[in-house]
Amino acid sequence: MEFRKFRRKQVAELRAIEDYEIKMFKIDGKLKPHLDVEVSISQEDLKNGSPRLGDMVARNPKNHLDQWLVAEQYFNDNFEEY
């Protein structure tokens, strides 16, 4: 499979991981900021210690239930506040 480079066309919506979310993740293994939302976390991010403070949660602006973790280093390398 060949990967190609793409540039994003729109503004991303992200928020910081909160301490209580990490505590709840350690209890039940899920990152659920609300009853109807579960944040997806890649296996690589889990292996690298996420979720942790400094990580961010991104969401699909057209479907707020679609959320995923963005590791701190990736966020710092690729995003700046709009």
C-alpha atoms as a PDB file:
ATOM      1  CA  MET A   1       0.000   0.000   0.000  1.00  0.00           C
ATOM      2  CA  GLU A   2       1.253   3.456  -0.865  1.00  0.00           C
ATOM      3  CA  PHE A   3       0.752   6.386   1.482  1.00  0.00           C
ATOM      4  CA  ARG A   4       0.488   9.871  -0.010  1.00  0.00           C
ATOM      5  CA  LYS A   5       0.716  13.234   1.720  1.00  0.00           C
ATOM      6  CA  PHE A   6      -2.396  15.361   2.234  1.00  0.00           C
ATOM      7  CA  ARG A   7      -2.928  18.749   3.838  1.00  0.00           C
ATOM      8  CA  ARG A   8      -6.004  19.373   5.974  1.00  0.00           C
ATOM      9  CA  LYS A   9      -8.587  21.804   4.581  1.00  0.00           C
ATOM     10  CA  GLN A  10     -10.398  22.790   7.753  1.00  0.00           C
ATOM     11  CA  VAL A  11      -9.927  23.698  11.377  1.00  0.00           C
ATOM     12  CA  ALA A  12      -9.761  20.761  13.808  1.00  0.00           C
ATOM     13  CA  GLU A  13     -11.680  20.630  17.088  1.00  0.00           C
ATOM     14  CA  LEU A  14      -9.609  19.348  20.022  1.00  0.00           C
ATOM     15  CA  ARG A  15      -9.622  19.521  23.810  1.00  0.00           C
ATOM     16  CA  ALA A  16      -7.225  18.491  26.547  1.00  0.00           C
ATOM     17  CA  ILE A  17      -7.517  15.153  28.362  1.00  0.00           C
ATOM     18  CA  GLU A  18      -8.702  15.696  31.926  1.00  0.00           C
ATOM     19  CA  ASP A  19      -7.278  14.006  35.014  1.00  0.00           C
ATOM     20  CA  TYR A  20     -10.607  12.395  35.960  1.00  0.00           C
ATOM     21  CA  GLU A  21     -10.751  10.726  32.513  1.00  0.00           C
ATOM     22  CA  ILE A  22      -7.384   9.084  33.094  1.00  0.00           C
ATOM     23  CA  LYS A  23      -8.505   7.851  36.518  1.00  0.00           C
ATOM     24  CA  MET A  24     -11.693   6.374  35.036  1.00  0.00           C
ATOM     25  CA  PHE A  25      -9.686   4.769  32.200  1.00  0.00           C
ATOM     26  CA  LYS A  26      -7.498   3.003  34.771  1.00  0.00           C
ATOM     27  CA  ILE A  27     -10.643   1.582  36.401  1.00  0.00           C
ATOM     28  CA  ASP A  28     -12.623   0.367  33.386  1.00  0.00           C
ATOM     29  CA  GLY A  29     -10.237   0.554  30.409  1.00  0.00           C
ATOM     30  CA  LYS A  30     -12.408   2.996  28.483  1.00  0.00           C
ATOM     31  CA  LEU A  31     -12.101   6.718  27.851  1.00  0.00           C
ATOM     32  CA  LYS A  32     -15.725   7.845  28.204  1.00  0.00           C
ATOM     33  CA  PRO A  33     -16.120  11.566  28.908  1.00  0.00           C
ATOM     34  CA  HIS A  34     -19.916  11.218  28.601  1.00  0.00           C
ATOM     35  CA  LEU A  35     -22.334   8.296  28.701  1.00  0.00           C
ATOM     36  CA  ASP A  36     -22.920   8.431  24.933  1.00  0.00           C
ATOM     37  CA  VAL A  37     -19.288   9.036  23.876  1.00  0.00           C
ATOM     38  CA  GLU A  38     -16.284   6.707  23.864  1.00  0.00           C
ATOM     39  CA  VAL A  39     -12.946   8.108  22.686  1.00  0.00           C
ATOM     40  CA  SER A  40     -11.017   5.788  20.338  1.00  0.00           C
ATOM     41  CA  ILE A  41      -7.388   5.120  21.276  1.00  0.00           C
ATOM     42  CA  SER A  42      -4.988   3.376  18.891  1.00  0.00           C
ATOM     43  CA  GLN A  43      -3.045   0.334  20.072  1.00  0.00           C
ATOM     44  CA  GLU A  44       0.207   2.249  19.478  1.00  0.00           C
ATOM     45  CA  ASP A  45      -0.909   5.091  21.727  1.00  0.00           C
ATOM     46  CA  LEU A  46      -1.966   2.609  24.409  1.00  0.00           C
ATOM     47  CA  LYS A  47       1.456   0.913  24.201  1.00  0.00           C
ATOM     48  CA  ASN A  48       3.104   4.329  24.595  1.00  0.00           C
ATOM     49  CA  GLY A  49       1.232   5.089  27.825  1.00  0.00           C
ATOM     50  CA  SER A  50      -1.801   7.060  26.644  1.00  0.00           C
ATOM     51  CA  PRO A  51      -4.135   8.367  27.817  1.00  0.00           C
ATOM     52  CA  ARG A  52      -2.108  10.809  29.884  1.00  0.00           C
ATOM     53  CA  LEU A  53      -2.096  14.493  30.690  1.00  0.00           C
ATOM     54  CA  GLY A  54      -0.920  16.442  27.645  1.00  0.00           C
ATOM     55  CA  ASP A  55      -2.836  14.207  25.214  1.00  0.00           C
ATOM     56  CA  MET A  56      -5.770  15.731  23.370  1.00  0.00           C
ATOM     57  CA  VAL A  57      -9.175  14.504  22.224  1.00  0.00           C
ATOM     58  CA  ALA A  58     -10.219  15.362  18.671  1.00  0.00           C
ATOM     59  CA  ARG A  59     -13.772  15.200  17.407  1.00  0.00           C
ATOM     60  CA  ASN A  60     -15.456  15.104  14.050  1.00  0.00           C
ATOM     61  CA  PRO A  61     -17.113  18.544  13.683  1.00  0.00           C
ATOM     62  CA  LYS A  62     -20.027  16.938  11.824  1.00  0.00           C
ATOM     63  CA  ASN A  63     -20.526  14.109  14.339  1.00  0.00           C
ATOM     64  CA  HIS A  64     -19.556  15.005  17.897  1.00  0.00           C
ATOM     65  CA  LEU A  65     -19.920  11.371  19.004  1.00  0.00           C
ATOM     66  CA  ASP A  66     -16.917  10.460  16.784  1.00  0.00           C
ATOM     67  CA  GLN A  67     -13.888  11.215  18.990  1.00  0.00           C
ATOM     68  CA  TRP A  68     -10.306   9.948  19.118  1.00  0.00           C
ATOM     69  CA  LEU A  69      -7.160  10.484  21.147  1.00  0.00           C
ATOM     70  CA  VAL A  70      -4.289  12.547  19.751  1.00  0.00           C
ATOM     71  CA  ALA A  71      -1.008  11.865  21.545  1.00  0.00           C
ATOM     72  CA  GLU A  72       0.760  14.900  23.014  1.00  0.00           C
ATOM     73  CA  GLN A  73       3.830  14.756  20.769  1.00  0.00           C
ATOM     74  CA  TYR A  74       1.787  14.394  17.579  1.00  0.00           C
ATOM     75  CA  PHE A  75      -0.409  17.282  18.692  1.00  0.00           C
ATOM     76  CA  ASN A  76       2.599  19.498  19.463  1.00  0.00           C
ATOM     77  CA  ASP A  77       4.232  18.661  16.128  1.00  0.00           C
ATOM     78  CA  ASN A  78       1.144  19.230  13.987  1.00  0.00           C
ATOM     79  CA  PHE A  79      -1.312  21.659  15.582  1.00  0.00           C
ATOM     80  CA  GLU A  80      -1.394  25.270  16.735  1.00  0.00           C
ATOM     81  CA  GLU A  81      -4.307  27.196  18.187  1.00  0.00           C
ATOM     82  CA  TYR A  82      -6.463  28.898  15.552  1.00  0.00           C
END
